[in-house]
Structure formats: C-alpha cells, structure tokens
Amino acid sequence: MRVLQIIGNSRFGGGVYYVLSIARQLSKEGQEIFILVENPVCAQYFREAGFKVLSTNAFRREISPYYDLKALGRLIYLINRLRPDLIHTHTSKGGFIGRLAARIAKAKKVIHTVHGFAFHEFSSPFAQAFYSWLERYASRFCQRLIFVNKKDCDCAREKKIGDERKRRIVYNGINYRAIEKISPNYQLKNELRLPDDAFLLTFTGRLSAQKNPKVLIEGLPNILKDYPNTYLLLIGDDLGLEKELRVKAKRLKVYDNVRFLGFRKDCVACLKSSDCFVLPSLWEGLSISLLEAMACGLPCLVSDIKGNNEVIVDGKNGFLFPPKAPDCFAEKVKQLIASKELRRRLGEEAKRTVRELFSEEIFLRETMKIYQECGLVSRFTQGVS
C-alpha cells in the first residue's frame, strides 16, 4: 500500500512529529510512505528518518494565486504518477490544495487532519467567513476529518464543515518513554552564564504572533520585583518577532533576564533543566511542546485557549491564564516560585496525564482505526504494536 502524507510548506513543529509518528507505524507494517514537504529543515528530518520526500517547489504559506495554482498543478501530476492508496493531508494550505488535487486526480481515499483552523477567535469576521467557506468546500473531498481537540470539532459542526459521518477527534500523543530516557542539559546555566540558583521559565515554539511570547516579557517586571533571580528562556525559530521582543525587553528593563536561544535540537534536555514551562499562545491545535513539557514533569503555565484547556486543568496538573493578561501570568509564576511542593505536585500530575491520555500508543491506535474506516491497513485490527 502507498500512503502520501501532504504537509506543504509548514515549518518544523508539532505537525512534523505527528506525521513522523504515523509514518513510522505504517512503515512497520510494510507500507510505502511518501511525504510531500517543502521546508528544507522538515524535509531533511524526514529523510534522516528514512522516508521518501517529495516537493512541488511551489507551496507558500501566504495566499498566492500564482504559486497556489502552480502547487496544485504539480501536486496533481505527482498524485497521478504515484497513484497512492491513501492521501493524508495536513495544515490549512496543504489541506486545501492537497484535497483539491486529490479530487481532480480522482484519488478515492483522503483523510485530512485539522491541526487548527486558519481562523480563530482573534480573527476578523471577514477572515472567519472566508476561511470557513474554504474549509467547507474542501471538506467535500475527503472521507474523514480528524480534529486534535474537541473545540475545533464543535466549531466545524457549528460552521457545517464536513458532516458527522466524517468528523473524528483524536488527541495528539507523544512517546513519553523516550522522553523519560533523555538526560537534563546539566551545563545549560553554565552555557548561559546564569547563577546556579536561577529560576528558569522556558518557552519552546516559534517566535510568532500566534505564540504570543510578548506577554511573557510584559509580565517579567512584576515577577522580578519579588524574585529577581528569574530568567526567561525563549527557544525556537524567529518568525520576525525577535527584534520587537528585544526592544520590549530593553524598554521594560528586563533584558538581562531574557535569553533568546533560537532553534535547538536539545529542547527536551533544556526543559528538564528548567523549573517551569510557559506557553502563552493565542490559538493552538494541541501543542506537542506542552505534552513534552508535561512528560518532563514540569509545572506548566499556559494560556486558557482551546487545545490547552483540554489538556490542563487549572490547579490540578498545571495553571491556566488569560492569553492577554501579563499580570495574571506573573502572579501564577510567583505562586510556583514560592512553593516547591506545588511545582512537584503539578509536575507529577502532568506526567500522569500524558501517560494516561496523551501517549503515542493511544494516538496511533485511534488514528489507525480511522485508516481502517477508509478500508485500509486491515492488519491494525490486531492493535498497534
């Protein structure tokens, strides 16, 4: 069986781990996997994992009639040449062009995963109307729609994206056992020239408007007036926001307590050397970074938005705060700094949550059931290995 996974031009992030997990499981079963991805970092990642990588050299993240039509034409050609038994699309752009190309090429088995809609609660009314129309249209060209959180599924139902027969909710999952085997980066404080007793707040994710890291810097003055030994680590690619964040940190006189670390391959090791994980996103699907931090046993302080609040129960396995409320964020941080026992309790409960609800085994089992519903991969009826 041939399976084509279409990601498009998505940058390195949770979606890559999502596809890699599925691809590895299918490969174990002897299936032939092709992955269409344009981003060079992501492409290299999949190649190193042993998968066949394709490209149209035309996908762009922004809307571009010229490049979008070019990507559509090349993708139709690739589908006609490969004749995959199943096409699984991801991301908003990859999902729309991928499903349209599959329809034109007369592919019969198509699944789309909604990792988060292109519209959200902070979008303009026009953007919500436009992108929801695109999603309604594209939903006609797939057999199943997978949602990684319940609220996106509810939104699809409200906006008539797909129908009940097509919609399925499958929460993301991670290999927590592999994370447990990773050692902390014991040299991290040394490397960053921080005191041994520094309290580390760590953010992992792209420096983008979506991830909303500015609220972390805006909350730092409140934290530092009581706990001056607190440091914020920002780990992730810069999507044009770093300069603004540096200016803001200098203006608020907290620059010395912020470290911009860029993209790092040892994120988990850095998390294990930290005291708290922070994720202030304005919107998410279901964050892999959050699940990884929970698997590390860290207390997690995250914005109270869809996805996040389906994982974190405030006060039980982490803390929630309004995404545009730096003072509320700061007060929650101070509670964590003040109580080592609170950090331990929240961290242990976070680890338990991941093991019981967000493991890779659960994710794969539920995803493979959907593949079976489309009449494929019948050997998975015996369960996921």
Protein backbone atom coordinates (compact mmCIF):
# COMPACT_ATOMS: atom_id res chain seq x y z
CA MET A 1 0.00 0.00 0.00
CA ARG A 2 1.20 3.51 -0.83
CA VAL A 3 0.42 6.39 1.50
CA LEU A 4 1.08 10.02 0.61
CA GLN A 5 1.32 12.47 3.52
CA ILE A 6 0.97 16.11 2.38
CA ILE A 7 2.34 18.78 4.72
CA GLY A 8 3.16 21.59 2.28
CA ASN A 9 5.43 24.41 3.44
CA SER A 10 4.84 24.05 7.18
CA ARG A 11 7.80 24.90 9.40
CA PHE A 12 9.36 22.48 11.86
CA GLY A 13 7.00 21.89 14.76
CA GLY A 14 4.38 19.61 16.23
CA GLY A 15 2.91 18.69 12.84
CA VAL A 16 6.21 17.13 11.82
CA TYR A 17 6.21 14.85 14.88
CA TYR A 18 2.57 14.00 14.18
CA VAL A 19 3.29 12.83 10.63
CA LEU A 20 6.52 11.09 11.61
CA SER A 21 4.71 9.04 14.26
CA ILE A 22 2.11 7.84 11.75
CA ALA A 23 4.70 7.21 9.04
CA ARG A 24 6.85 5.07 11.34
CA GLN A 25 3.88 2.95 12.35
CA LEU A 26 2.79 2.43 8.74
CA SER A 27 6.36 1.62 7.76
CA LYS A 28 6.48 -1.11 10.42
CA GLU A 29 3.58 -2.71 8.61
CA GLY A 30 5.50 -2.70 5.34
CA GLN A 31 3.63 0.20 3.74
CA GLU A 32 5.35 2.54 1.27
CA ILE A 33 5.35 6.10 2.58
CA PHE A 34 5.83 9.33 0.63
CA ILE A 35 5.93 12.72 2.38
CA LEU A 36 5.39 15.96 0.49
CA VAL A 37 7.06 18.76 2.42
CA GLU A 38 8.73 21.96 1.15
CA ASN A 39 10.52 23.31 4.21
CA PRO A 40 14.20 22.21 3.94
CA VAL A 41 14.61 21.58 7.69
CA CYS A 42 11.50 19.40 7.77
CA ALA A 43 12.48 17.64 4.54
CA GLN A 44 15.90 16.75 5.94
CA TYR A 45 14.30 15.49 9.15
CA PHE A 46 12.10 13.05 7.24
CA ARG A 47 14.96 11.94 5.01
CA GLU A 48 17.11 11.18 8.03
CA ALA A 49 14.22 9.09 9.37
CA GLY A 50 14.36 7.03 6.17
CA PHE A 51 11.30 8.30 4.29
CA LYS A 52 10.87 9.33 0.66
CA VAL A 53 10.43 13.10 0.47
CA LEU A 54 8.69 14.90 -2.39
CA SER A 55 8.35 18.59 -3.26
CA THR A 56 6.43 20.77 -5.70
CA ASN A 57 8.77 23.74 -5.06
CA ALA A 58 5.64 25.87 -5.21
CA PHE A 59 3.87 25.79 -1.81
CA ARG A 60 3.88 29.13 0.02
CA ARG A 61 2.42 29.83 3.48
CA GLU A 62 0.69 33.02 2.35
CA ILE A 63 -2.10 33.09 -0.23
CA SER A 64 -0.56 33.49 -3.70
CA PRO A 65 -2.74 32.73 -6.75
CA TYR A 66 0.31 32.12 -8.95
CA TYR A 67 2.15 29.76 -6.59
CA ASP A 68 -1.04 28.11 -5.31
CA LEU A 69 -2.10 27.17 -8.84
CA LYS A 70 1.45 26.03 -9.58
CA ALA A 71 1.45 23.83 -6.45
CA LEU A 72 -1.96 22.45 -7.40
CA GLY A 73 -0.83 21.50 -10.91
CA ARG A 74 2.37 19.85 -9.73
CA LEU A 75 0.58 18.00 -6.96
CA ILE A 76 -2.00 16.63 -9.44
CA TYR A 77 0.91 15.38 -11.55
CA LEU A 78 2.57 13.72 -8.53
CA ILE A 79 -0.65 12.02 -7.44
CA ASN A 80 -1.27 10.71 -10.96
CA ARG A 81 2.28 9.39 -11.10
CA LEU A 82 2.30 7.77 -7.64
CA ARG A 83 -1.32 6.56 -7.54
CA PRO A 84 -1.34 6.37 -3.71
CA ASP A 85 -3.92 4.16 -1.99
CA LEU A 86 -4.44 6.85 0.66
CA ILE A 87 -3.70 10.56 0.86
CA HIS A 88 -3.49 12.18 4.30
CA THR A 89 -3.32 15.99 4.25
CA HIS A 90 -2.16 18.38 6.98
CA THR A 91 -2.09 22.16 7.62
CA SER A 92 -4.54 24.68 6.16
CA LYS A 93 -2.71 25.28 2.87
CA GLY A 94 -1.56 21.68 2.43
CA GLY A 95 -5.04 20.51 3.34
CA PHE A 96 -6.89 22.73 0.88
CA ILE A 97 -4.60 22.30 -2.14
CA GLY A 98 -3.99 18.64 -1.28
CA ARG A 99 -7.68 17.76 -1.12
CA LEU A 100 -8.47 19.71 -4.28
CA ALA A 101 -5.61 18.00 -6.14
CA ALA A 102 -6.76 14.60 -4.86
CA ARG A 103 -10.27 15.30 -6.16
CA ILE A 104 -9.05 16.34 -9.61
CA ALA A 105 -6.71 13.32 -9.77
CA LYS A 106 -9.65 11.09 -8.76
CA ALA A 107 -7.99 9.77 -5.59
CA LYS A 108 -10.63 7.86 -3.63
CA LYS A 109 -9.20 7.65 -0.11
CA VAL A 110 -8.42 11.01 1.50
CA ILE A 111 -8.10 11.96 5.19
CA HIS A 112 -7.46 15.47 6.45
CA THR A 113 -6.20 16.40 9.92
CA VAL A 114 -7.21 19.81 11.25
CA HIS A 115 -4.21 20.83 13.36
CA GLY A 116 -6.01 24.12 13.99
CA PHE A 117 -8.08 26.19 11.56
CA ALA A 118 -6.61 29.18 9.70
CA PHE A 119 -9.28 31.23 11.50
CA HIS A 120 -9.69 31.51 15.27
CA GLU A 121 -11.33 33.62 17.96
CA PHE A 122 -8.94 36.52 17.31
CA SER A 123 -9.57 36.57 13.54
CA SER A 124 -11.63 39.30 11.86
CA PRO A 125 -15.21 38.44 10.87
CA PHE A 126 -14.15 38.52 7.20
CA ALA A 127 -11.27 36.07 7.82
CA GLN A 128 -13.55 33.74 9.76
CA ALA A 129 -16.16 33.78 6.98
CA PHE A 130 -13.60 33.36 4.17
CA TYR A 131 -11.55 30.56 5.68
CA SER A 132 -14.57 28.67 6.99
CA TRP A 133 -16.00 28.73 3.43
CA LEU A 134 -12.73 27.27 2.11
CA GLU A 135 -12.84 24.55 4.76
CA ARG A 136 -16.48 23.71 3.97
CA TYR A 137 -15.62 23.41 0.30
CA ALA A 138 -12.52 21.25 0.84
CA SER A 139 -14.33 19.00 3.33
CA ARG A 140 -16.36 17.61 0.41
CA PHE A 141 -13.20 16.00 -0.96
CA CYS A 142 -12.18 13.75 1.93
CA GLN A 143 -13.66 10.72 3.67
CA ARG A 144 -12.60 11.68 7.19
CA LEU A 145 -11.76 14.86 9.12
CA ILE A 146 -9.54 14.37 12.17
CA PHE A 147 -9.58 17.07 14.86
CA VAL A 148 -6.86 17.26 17.51
CA ASN A 149 -9.15 19.00 20.00
CA LYS A 150 -12.87 18.93 20.76
CA LYS A 151 -13.48 22.66 20.34
CA ASP A 152 -12.30 22.66 16.71
CA CYS A 153 -14.68 19.77 16.09
CA ASP A 154 -17.50 21.74 17.72
CA CYS A 155 -16.57 24.74 15.57
CA ALA A 156 -16.72 22.58 12.42
CA ARG A 157 -20.15 21.34 13.43
CA GLU A 158 -21.36 24.91 14.00
CA LYS A 159 -19.98 26.14 10.66
CA LYS A 160 -21.09 22.98 8.79
CA ILE A 161 -17.55 21.92 7.87
CA GLY A 162 -17.92 18.26 6.92
CA ASP A 163 -20.68 16.16 8.44
CA GLU A 164 -21.00 13.91 11.49
CA ARG A 165 -20.09 10.84 9.45
CA LYS A 166 -16.70 12.34 8.61
CA ARG A 167 -15.68 14.02 11.88
CA ARG A 168 -13.39 12.27 14.38
CA ILE A 169 -11.48 13.60 17.41
CA VAL A 170 -8.02 12.13 18.02
CA TYR A 171 -5.83 13.93 20.54
CA ASN A 172 -2.12 14.24 19.78
CA GLY A 173 0.16 11.83 21.61
CA ILE A 174 3.87 11.58 22.33
CA ASN A 175 6.40 8.88 23.11
CA TYR A 176 6.75 9.72 26.80
CA ARG A 177 9.01 6.71 27.40
CA ALA A 178 11.62 8.13 25.01
CA ILE A 179 11.40 11.50 26.77
CA GLU A 180 11.92 9.86 30.16
CA LYS A 181 15.26 8.47 28.91
CA ILE A 182 16.68 11.88 27.96
CA SER A 183 19.05 13.43 30.48
CA PRO A 184 18.84 17.09 31.50
CA ASN A 185 21.28 19.59 30.00
CA TYR A 186 23.32 19.99 33.16
CA GLN A 187 25.51 22.65 31.52
CA LEU A 188 22.63 24.91 30.48
CA LYS A 189 23.03 27.50 33.25
CA ASN A 190 26.79 27.48 32.74
CA GLU A 191 26.35 27.92 28.99
CA LEU A 192 24.01 30.88 29.52
CA ARG A 193 26.12 32.35 32.33
CA LEU A 194 23.31 32.16 34.84
CA PRO A 195 23.61 31.70 38.61
CA ASP A 196 23.18 28.17 39.93
CA ASP A 197 20.04 29.16 41.85
CA ALA A 198 18.35 30.86 38.87
CA PHE A 199 14.68 30.03 38.38
CA LEU A 200 14.14 29.17 34.71
CA LEU A 201 10.90 29.82 32.83
CA THR A 202 11.20 28.09 29.46
CA PHE A 203 9.18 28.66 26.30
CA THR A 204 9.61 26.38 23.28
CA GLY A 205 7.99 27.36 20.00
CA ARG A 206 8.25 29.76 17.09
CA LEU A 207 8.68 33.44 17.92
CA SER A 208 5.46 34.44 16.16
CA ALA A 209 2.30 36.42 16.82
CA GLN A 210 0.39 33.17 17.30
CA LYS A 211 2.65 32.02 20.12
CA ASN A 212 2.33 35.44 21.82
CA PRO A 213 5.72 35.49 23.64
CA LYS A 214 5.46 39.25 24.23
CA VAL A 215 3.08 38.63 27.15
CA LEU A 216 5.88 36.74 28.93
CA ILE A 217 8.20 39.72 28.68
CA GLU A 218 5.40 42.09 29.73
CA GLY A 219 4.86 40.00 32.85
CA LEU A 220 8.53 39.84 33.85
CA PRO A 221 8.77 43.23 35.67
CA ASN A 222 6.05 42.09 38.08
CA ILE A 223 7.89 38.82 38.72
CA LEU A 224 11.35 40.35 39.07
CA LYS A 225 10.35 42.87 41.71
CA ASP A 226 9.78 39.93 44.10
CA TYR A 227 12.02 37.27 42.52
CA PRO A 228 14.95 38.97 40.74
CA ASN A 229 16.67 35.64 40.08
CA THR A 230 14.06 34.58 37.49
CA TYR A 231 15.10 34.12 33.86
CA LEU A 232 13.03 33.59 30.72
CA LEU A 233 14.42 31.25 28.04
CA LEU A 234 12.90 31.59 24.56
CA ILE A 235 13.70 28.52 22.45
CA GLY A 236 12.56 28.49 18.82
CA ASP A 237 12.90 29.96 15.34
CA ASP A 238 12.41 33.68 14.86
CA LEU A 239 9.49 34.47 12.55
CA GLY A 240 10.21 38.19 12.52
CA LEU A 241 9.32 38.88 16.16
CA GLU A 242 12.69 38.65 17.93
CA LYS A 243 13.75 42.25 17.24
CA GLU A 244 10.45 43.57 18.64
CA LEU A 245 10.80 41.34 21.71
CA ARG A 246 14.35 42.54 22.34
CA VAL A 247 13.22 46.18 22.11
CA LYS A 248 10.34 45.49 24.51
CA ALA A 249 12.62 43.71 26.98
CA LYS A 250 15.03 46.66 26.97
CA ARG A 251 12.21 49.18 27.36
CA LEU A 252 10.81 47.27 30.34
CA LYS A 253 14.35 46.90 31.78
CA VAL A 254 14.21 43.08 31.88
CA TYR A 255 16.62 42.40 29.01
CA ASP A 256 19.28 40.88 31.27
CA ASN A 257 16.74 38.27 32.42
CA VAL A 258 15.77 37.09 28.93
CA ARG A 259 17.75 34.67 26.76
CA PHE A 260 17.00 34.16 23.04
CA LEU A 261 18.29 30.67 22.25
CA GLY A 262 16.95 30.16 18.71
CA PHE A 263 16.24 26.71 17.32
CA ARG A 264 17.78 23.88 19.36
CA LYS A 265 17.71 20.13 18.92
CA ASP A 266 18.03 19.55 22.67
CA CYS A 267 14.68 21.13 23.67
CA VAL A 268 13.73 18.26 25.97
CA ALA A 269 17.11 18.33 27.72
CA CYS A 270 16.69 22.09 28.23
CA LEU A 271 13.16 21.59 29.58
CA LYS A 272 14.47 19.05 32.08
CA SER A 273 16.92 21.67 33.33
CA SER A 274 14.15 24.25 33.77
CA ASP A 275 11.74 24.97 36.60
CA CYS A 276 8.56 25.83 34.68
CA PHE A 277 7.20 25.61 31.12
CA VAL A 278 5.26 28.56 29.72
CA LEU A 279 3.05 28.68 26.61
CA PRO A 280 1.07 31.92 26.12
CA SER A 281 -0.35 31.14 22.63
CA LEU A 282 -3.39 32.96 21.27
CA TRP A 283 -4.50 29.82 19.43
CA GLU A 284 -3.34 26.21 19.14
CA GLY A 285 -4.46 22.85 17.81
CA LEU A 286 -2.98 20.71 20.55
CA SER A 287 0.59 21.61 21.43
CA ILE A 288 3.23 18.88 21.21
CA SER A 289 5.58 21.20 23.11
CA LEU A 290 3.12 21.27 26.00
CA LEU A 291 2.85 17.47 26.06
CA GLU A 292 6.64 17.16 26.02
CA ALA A 293 6.99 19.57 28.94
CA MET A 294 4.36 17.63 30.87
CA ALA A 295 6.20 14.37 30.17
CA CYS A 296 9.31 16.02 31.62
CA GLY A 297 7.42 16.51 34.88
CA LEU A 298 7.42 20.31 34.64
CA PRO A 299 4.69 22.51 36.09
CA CYS A 300 3.09 24.09 33.01
CA LEU A 301 1.65 27.60 32.85
CA VAL A 302 -0.34 28.03 29.63
CA SER A 303 -2.93 30.32 28.08
CA ASP A 304 -6.57 29.44 28.62
CA ILE A 305 -7.45 28.67 24.97
CA LYS A 306 -8.81 25.70 23.03
CA GLY A 307 -6.41 22.78 22.97
CA ASN A 308 -4.51 23.97 26.05
CA ASN A 309 -7.58 23.86 28.29
CA GLU A 310 -8.46 20.37 27.09
CA VAL A 311 -5.10 19.17 28.47
CA ILE A 312 -4.50 21.38 31.51
CA VAL A 313 -6.99 21.51 34.37
CA ASP A 314 -6.22 24.69 36.27
CA GLY A 315 -4.66 23.96 39.65
CA LYS A 316 -4.61 20.19 39.11
CA ASN A 317 -1.91 19.43 36.50
CA GLY A 318 -0.85 22.99 35.66
CA PHE A 319 -2.06 26.58 35.59
CA LEU A 320 -4.14 28.49 33.02
CA PHE A 321 -4.15 32.25 32.48
CA PRO A 322 -5.89 34.63 30.01
CA PRO A 323 -3.58 34.98 27.00
CA LYS A 324 -3.54 38.79 27.08
CA ALA A 325 -3.11 39.21 30.84
CA PRO A 326 0.59 39.63 31.76
CA ASP A 327 -0.17 40.43 35.40
CA CYS A 328 -2.23 37.26 35.81
CA PHE A 329 0.64 35.33 34.21
CA ALA A 330 3.10 36.93 36.63
CA GLU A 331 1.01 36.12 39.72
CA LYS A 332 0.78 32.45 38.70
CA VAL A 333 4.55 32.32 38.19
CA LYS A 334 5.12 33.79 41.65
CA GLN A 335 2.91 31.10 43.18
CA LEU A 336 5.10 28.47 41.53
CA ILE A 337 8.37 30.09 42.58
CA ALA A 338 7.14 30.37 46.17
CA SER A 339 6.23 26.69 46.54
CA LYS A 340 8.50 23.82 45.57
CA GLU A 341 5.80 21.40 46.73
CA LEU A 342 3.25 22.98 44.38
CA ARG A 343 5.68 22.62 41.46
CA ARG A 344 6.31 18.99 42.36
CA ARG A 345 2.61 18.17 42.67
CA LEU A 346 1.64 19.83 39.39
CA GLY A 347 4.60 18.24 37.59
CA GLU A 348 3.76 14.73 38.79
CA GLU A 349 0.12 15.12 37.83
CA ALA A 350 1.17 16.43 34.41
CA LYS A 351 3.29 13.31 33.82
CA ARG A 352 0.39 11.09 34.82
CA THR A 353 -1.96 12.95 32.45
CA VAL A 354 0.33 12.34 29.48
CA ARG A 355 0.82 8.65 30.29
CA GLU A 356 -2.92 8.02 30.67
CA LEU A 357 -4.45 10.28 27.99
CA PHE A 358 -1.86 11.60 25.54
CA SER A 359 0.51 8.72 24.82
CA GLU A 360 1.70 7.84 21.34
CA GLU A 361 0.09 4.40 21.71
CA ILE A 362 -3.38 5.91 22.21
CA PHE A 363 -2.86 8.39 19.37
CA LEU A 364 -1.75 5.70 16.92
CA ARG A 365 -4.46 3.25 17.88
CA GLU A 366 -7.21 5.83 17.32
CA THR A 367 -5.65 7.12 14.09
CA MET A 368 -5.27 3.64 12.65
CA LYS A 369 -8.94 2.97 13.39
CA ILE A 370 -9.75 5.85 11.05
CA TYR A 371 -7.45 4.40 8.39
CA GLN A 372 -9.40 1.17 8.78
CA GLU A 373 -12.69 3.01 8.38
CA CYS A 374 -11.42 4.05 4.97
CA GLY A 375 -10.88 0.39 4.11
CA LEU A 376 -7.11 0.33 4.51
CA VAL A 377 -4.44 -1.25 6.73
CA SER A 378 -6.62 -4.13 7.92
CA ARG A 379 -3.76 -5.68 9.88
CA PHE A 380 -4.22 -2.96 12.51
CA THR A 381 -7.34 -4.75 13.69
CA GLN A 382 -4.95 -6.71 15.87
CA GLY A 383 -3.88 -3.49 17.59
CA VAL A 384 -0.96 -1.14 17.34
CA SER A 385 2.49 -2.55 18.06
